[in-house]
Protein backbone atom coordinates (compact mmCIF):
# COMPACT_ATOMS: atom_id res chain seq x y z
CA THR A 1 78.08 188.48 105.02
CA GLY A 2 74.82 188.51 107.02
CA TRP A 3 72.78 191.16 108.15
CA VAL A 4 72.09 191.37 111.95
CA GLY A 5 68.49 191.82 111.72
CA ASN A 6 67.33 195.04 112.79
CA GLU A 7 69.26 198.60 111.85
CA GLY A 8 70.33 199.78 115.28
CA GLY A 9 73.27 199.12 115.08
CA THR A 10 73.94 196.88 117.81
CA ALA A 11 74.23 192.72 117.93
CA PRO A 12 73.08 189.80 120.35
CA GLU A 13 75.49 188.89 123.06
CA GLU A 14 75.78 185.44 121.46
CA THR A 15 77.09 186.37 117.82
CA TRP A 16 78.58 183.32 115.06
CA SER A 17 80.19 184.23 112.29
CA TRP A 18 79.04 181.07 110.59
CA GLY A 19 75.71 179.28 110.48
CA GLU A 20 73.46 176.71 108.59
CA ALA A 21 73.03 176.29 104.77
CA SER A 22 70.08 178.66 103.54
CA VAL A 23 68.65 179.97 100.70
CA GLU A 24 71.16 183.14 100.69
CA PHE A 25 73.74 181.28 101.60
CA PRO A 26 73.45 178.23 99.86
CA THR A 27 76.35 175.27 100.40
CA THR A 28 77.22 172.15 98.90
CA ASN A 29 75.43 168.71 100.91
CA ASN A 30 74.20 171.82 103.34
CA THR A 31 77.29 172.47 105.39
CA PRO A 32 78.09 175.32 107.50
CA VAL A 33 78.92 178.43 105.70
CA TRP A 34 81.08 181.61 106.87
CA ARG A 35 79.06 184.23 106.97
CA PRO A 36 80.93 187.42 109.06
CA VAL A 37 77.19 190.07 110.34
CA PHE A 38 77.41 193.49 110.12
CA CYS A 39 75.31 196.06 111.84
CA ASP A 40 74.04 198.99 109.93
CA VAL A 41 72.98 202.05 111.81
CA SER A 42 72.77 205.94 110.60
CA ILE A 43 74.36 208.66 112.38
CA ARG A 44 71.20 210.50 111.69
CA PRO A 45 67.77 209.82 112.79
CA GLY A 46 67.27 208.69 108.93
CA TRP A 47 69.21 207.45 106.21
CA PHE A 48 68.87 210.33 103.88
CA TYR A 49 69.82 213.87 104.37
CA HIS A 50 67.71 216.59 106.03
CA PRO A 51 68.49 220.19 106.89
CA THR A 52 66.20 219.74 109.94
CA GLN A 53 68.22 217.02 111.29
CA ASP A 54 71.05 218.48 111.41
CA ILE A 55 70.93 218.93 115.50
CA LEU A 56 69.62 215.29 115.44
CA LEU A 57 73.15 213.58 115.09
CA LYS A 58 74.08 210.71 117.47
CA THR A 59 76.07 211.97 120.45
CA LEU A 60 79.35 210.47 120.54
CA SER A 61 78.21 208.55 123.72
CA GLN A 62 75.70 206.62 121.45
CA LEU A 63 78.07 205.65 118.50
CA VAL A 64 80.72 204.29 121.43
CA ASP A 65 77.45 202.35 122.99
CA ILE A 66 77.25 200.79 119.49
CA TYR A 67 80.70 200.41 118.48
CA PHE A 68 81.00 198.04 122.07
CA ALA A 69 77.53 196.38 120.86
CA SER A 70 78.51 195.48 117.58
CA VAL A 71 82.14 195.53 117.01
CA GLY A 72 82.29 194.26 120.72
CA HIS A 73 79.94 191.50 119.74
CA ASN A 74 81.86 189.71 116.66
CA CYS A 75 80.21 192.33 113.85
CA ASN A 76 81.71 194.63 111.06
CA LEU A 77 79.67 197.77 111.81
CA GLN A 78 78.65 200.07 108.91
CA LEU A 79 77.95 203.69 110.02
CA ASN A 80 75.82 205.27 107.58
CA VAL A 81 76.44 209.08 107.05
CA PRO A 82 74.52 210.80 103.99
CA PRO A 83 75.47 213.46 101.61
CA ASN A 84 73.03 216.91 101.18
CA LYS A 85 71.76 217.44 97.98
CA HIS A 86 75.39 218.95 96.79
CA GLY A 87 77.02 215.33 97.45
CA LEU A 88 78.65 217.06 100.16
CA PHE A 89 78.26 216.04 104.10
CA ALA A 90 77.56 218.10 107.20
CA ASP A 91 80.38 220.27 108.82
CA GLY A 92 78.33 218.40 112.09
CA ASP A 93 78.65 214.76 110.40
CA VAL A 94 82.36 214.97 109.98
CA LYS A 95 83.15 216.18 113.20
CA ARG A 96 81.02 214.07 115.21
CA VAL A 97 82.80 210.96 113.33
CA GLY A 98 86.15 212.64 113.38
CA GLU A 99 85.55 212.67 117.10
CA PHE A 100 84.42 209.16 117.38
CA GLY A 101 86.90 207.54 114.95
CA ALA A 102 89.83 209.86 117.59
CA TYR A 103 88.29 208.10 121.08
CA ILE A 104 87.94 204.74 119.38
CA ARG A 105 91.76 205.04 118.45
CA GLU A 106 92.88 206.66 121.91
CA THR A 107 91.18 204.03 123.67
CA PHE A 108 92.70 201.36 122.19
CA GLU A 109 95.97 202.10 121.19
CA THR A 110 98.19 200.79 124.04
CA ASN A 111 96.96 197.52 125.56
CA MET A 112 97.95 198.11 129.39
CA LEU A 113 99.32 194.06 129.65
CA THR A 114 102.06 194.84 127.19
CA GLY A 115 105.27 193.31 128.72
CA ALA A 116 103.62 191.05 131.35
CA SER A 117 103.81 187.56 132.14
CA VAL A 118 101.31 185.05 130.88
CA LYS A 119 100.63 181.37 132.21
CA ALA A 120 98.39 179.28 130.36
CA SER A 121 96.40 176.05 131.88
CA SER A 122 98.28 174.07 129.22
CA SER A 123 99.80 174.72 125.56
CA SER A 124 99.45 173.07 122.07
CA GLU A 125 103.00 172.43 120.57
CA GLY A 126 104.29 176.02 118.65
CA HIS A 127 101.23 177.78 120.26
CA ASP A 128 102.96 180.11 123.44
CA PRO A 129 100.53 182.34 125.75
CA ALA A 130 103.08 184.75 125.20
CA SER A 131 101.60 184.71 121.54
CA VAL A 132 97.88 186.55 123.31
CA LEU A 133 99.88 189.86 123.67
CA SER A 134 102.18 190.17 120.62
CA GLN A 135 101.88 192.51 117.78
CA GLY A 136 101.49 189.60 114.79
CA THR A 137 97.92 189.17 113.36
CA ASN A 138 99.25 185.40 112.39
CA THR A 139 100.55 184.38 116.49
CA TYR A 140 98.16 182.28 118.30
CA TRP A 141 97.69 180.18 121.82
CA GLN A 142 96.15 177.22 121.64
CA ALA A 143 95.56 174.81 124.33
CA LYS A 144 96.08 171.35 124.00
CA ASP A 145 92.73 169.07 123.25
CA GLY A 146 91.04 167.82 125.97
CA ASP A 147 91.50 170.73 128.01
CA ASN A 148 88.17 171.68 128.50
CA ALA A 149 88.40 174.52 130.95
CA SER A 150 91.41 176.33 129.66
CA THR A 151 92.59 179.58 131.18
CA LEU A 152 95.25 182.15 130.98
CA THR A 153 96.73 184.43 133.78
CA PHE A 154 98.03 187.32 133.56
CA HIS A 155 100.52 189.11 136.01
CA THR A 156 102.29 192.74 135.06
CA SER A 157 104.03 195.07 137.22
CA THR A 158 102.38 198.06 135.21
CA LYS A 159 100.64 200.60 137.69
CA GLY A 160 97.29 202.03 135.95
CA LEU A 161 93.32 201.28 136.05
CA TYR A 162 91.64 199.52 133.19
CA ASN A 163 87.84 198.97 132.35
CA VAL A 164 87.75 197.34 128.82
CA ILE A 165 88.53 194.06 127.93
CA LEU A 166 89.19 192.89 124.73
CA ILE A 167 89.85 189.59 123.35
CA GLN A 168 90.09 187.52 119.82
CA GLU A 169 90.00 184.24 118.52
CA TYR A 170 92.48 183.82 115.42
CA LEU A 171 89.91 183.03 112.92
CA PRO A 172 91.52 181.09 110.04
CA ALA A 173 91.37 178.18 112.96
CA GLY A 174 87.56 178.66 113.20
CA GLN A 175 85.33 180.48 116.09
CA VAL A 176 84.60 178.34 118.22
CA VAL A 177 84.82 179.46 122.20
CA SER A 178 81.17 179.54 123.59
CA SER A 179 81.63 180.70 127.12
CA HIS A 180 84.30 182.55 128.58
CA THR A 181 84.71 184.51 131.99
CA VAL A 182 87.21 186.94 133.30
CA GLU A 183 88.52 187.05 136.68
CA ALA A 184 90.65 189.75 138.86
CA ASP A 185 92.65 188.37 142.23
CA ILE A 186 91.71 191.11 144.36
CA ASN A 187 92.93 190.74 147.65
CA GLY A 188 93.46 186.37 147.34
CA GLN A 189 89.91 186.11 146.23
CA TRP A 190 88.67 185.68 142.08
CA LYS A 191 86.06 187.76 141.60
CA ILE A 192 84.26 187.96 138.84
CA LEU A 193 85.07 190.90 136.30
CA ALA A 194 83.30 189.94 132.69
CA GLN A 195 81.34 186.91 131.37
CA GLY A 196 79.85 186.07 128.30
CA THR A 197 79.22 183.30 124.82
CA THR A 198 81.07 183.99 121.81
CA VAL A 199 84.30 185.63 120.88
CA GLY A 200 85.21 185.73 117.30
CA ASN A 201 86.79 188.70 115.64
CA LYS A 202 86.63 190.36 118.71
CA ARG A 203 84.78 190.43 122.22
CA LEU A 204 85.33 193.51 124.09
CA HIS A 205 83.37 194.28 128.25
CA ARG A 206 82.92 197.46 129.81
CA LEU A 207 83.48 197.10 133.57
CA SER A 208 81.40 199.45 135.23
CA SER A 209 83.81 200.62 137.63
CA PRO A 210 88.12 201.15 136.73
CA VAL A 211 90.40 198.02 138.08
CA SER A 212 93.70 197.79 139.42
CA LEU A 213 96.32 196.90 137.68
CA GLU A 214 98.00 195.27 140.29
CA SER A 215 95.74 192.32 140.35
CA ASP A 216 96.35 189.71 138.42
CA VAL A 217 93.76 188.60 135.42
CA ARG A 218 92.59 185.55 134.23
CA VAL A 219 90.78 184.13 131.59
CA THR A 220 88.39 180.88 131.38
CA PHE A 221 87.35 179.85 127.93
CA GLY A 222 84.80 176.60 128.78
CA GLN A 223 82.31 175.53 126.63
CA THR A 224 83.64 175.27 122.45
CA LYS A 225 81.90 173.92 119.49
CA TYR A 226 82.26 170.24 118.76
CA GLY A 227 85.17 170.03 121.97
CA TYR A 228 87.47 172.32 119.75
CA PRO A 229 90.91 173.77 121.84
CA PRO A 230 90.55 177.86 121.79
CA THR A 231 92.54 179.81 119.71
CA VAL A 232 93.32 182.91 121.24
CA MET A 233 95.49 185.65 119.19
CA LYS A 234 94.87 188.36 121.46
CA PHE A 235 93.75 189.24 124.94
CA GLY A 236 93.74 193.32 126.07
CA LEU A 237 93.23 195.59 128.53
CA TYR A 238 92.28 199.25 128.59
CA PHE A 239 91.28 202.16 129.72
CA ALA A 240 88.24 204.05 128.16
CA LYS A 241 87.83 207.76 129.27
CA PRO A 242 84.68 209.17 130.31
CA ILE A 243 82.44 210.87 128.15
CA SER A 244 80.69 214.00 128.34
CA ASN A 245 77.55 214.62 126.72
CA SER A 246 78.00 216.28 123.43
CA ALA A 247 76.58 219.84 122.79
CA PRO A 248 74.07 219.69 119.88
CA MET A 249 75.62 220.82 116.34
CA GLU A 250 75.21 223.87 114.86
CA PRO A 251 73.20 223.56 111.03
CA HIS A 252 76.06 224.39 109.12
CA THR A 253 77.23 222.78 105.68
CA ILE A 254 80.92 222.37 104.57
CA ASN A 255 80.85 224.57 101.13
């Protein structure tokens, strides 16, 4: 794997899982190398345990921001939780990690597009657009060669609001998407909700305000590396609940 280059747990908006050969990642004939990127960050101000920092943990809101800026930018997240001198984790650290995990699981538990109809601008044989709503990890939609502005359009009768968009490429076929746009059909006009460059293992967009599922949703894949057709494993809409500010933790350690 490759290091993102900072210890803040965030990655650039454009993040590729492959790159040129180097001293660290040598290859035969200098062919490109597959090296997924990781982001590292500590739950505390530093990498090691200090009792004076028990009340300085990152808040739930900060951890969620980090998640969207790391995992949501095609990276792996390595969250440092240091043990104390007794080899134990502080109570506050354990509680905060539990809150973090529960929030992420709840947010992505149900794809609000489940059961929706899907139309594609084109599809290669055997790779139906409905595959992007399945639970499988070996199924995917792939546009036909030459479809240089390929689209997926979703319609659902489900009621509700969403404020998070998820896109995943089928990585065994490579990471190729270098531009994408997500729009909603609001009152007969396509309005841009989110735009970005790379997708990779996972691309997450958080919207500034919720959008109704009553509006059809369209994702367009523009540029791709070497003109390869996009291969999309999953597309989803989710609702992330607002987060209240986490109260400071009282210094206390598990015995």
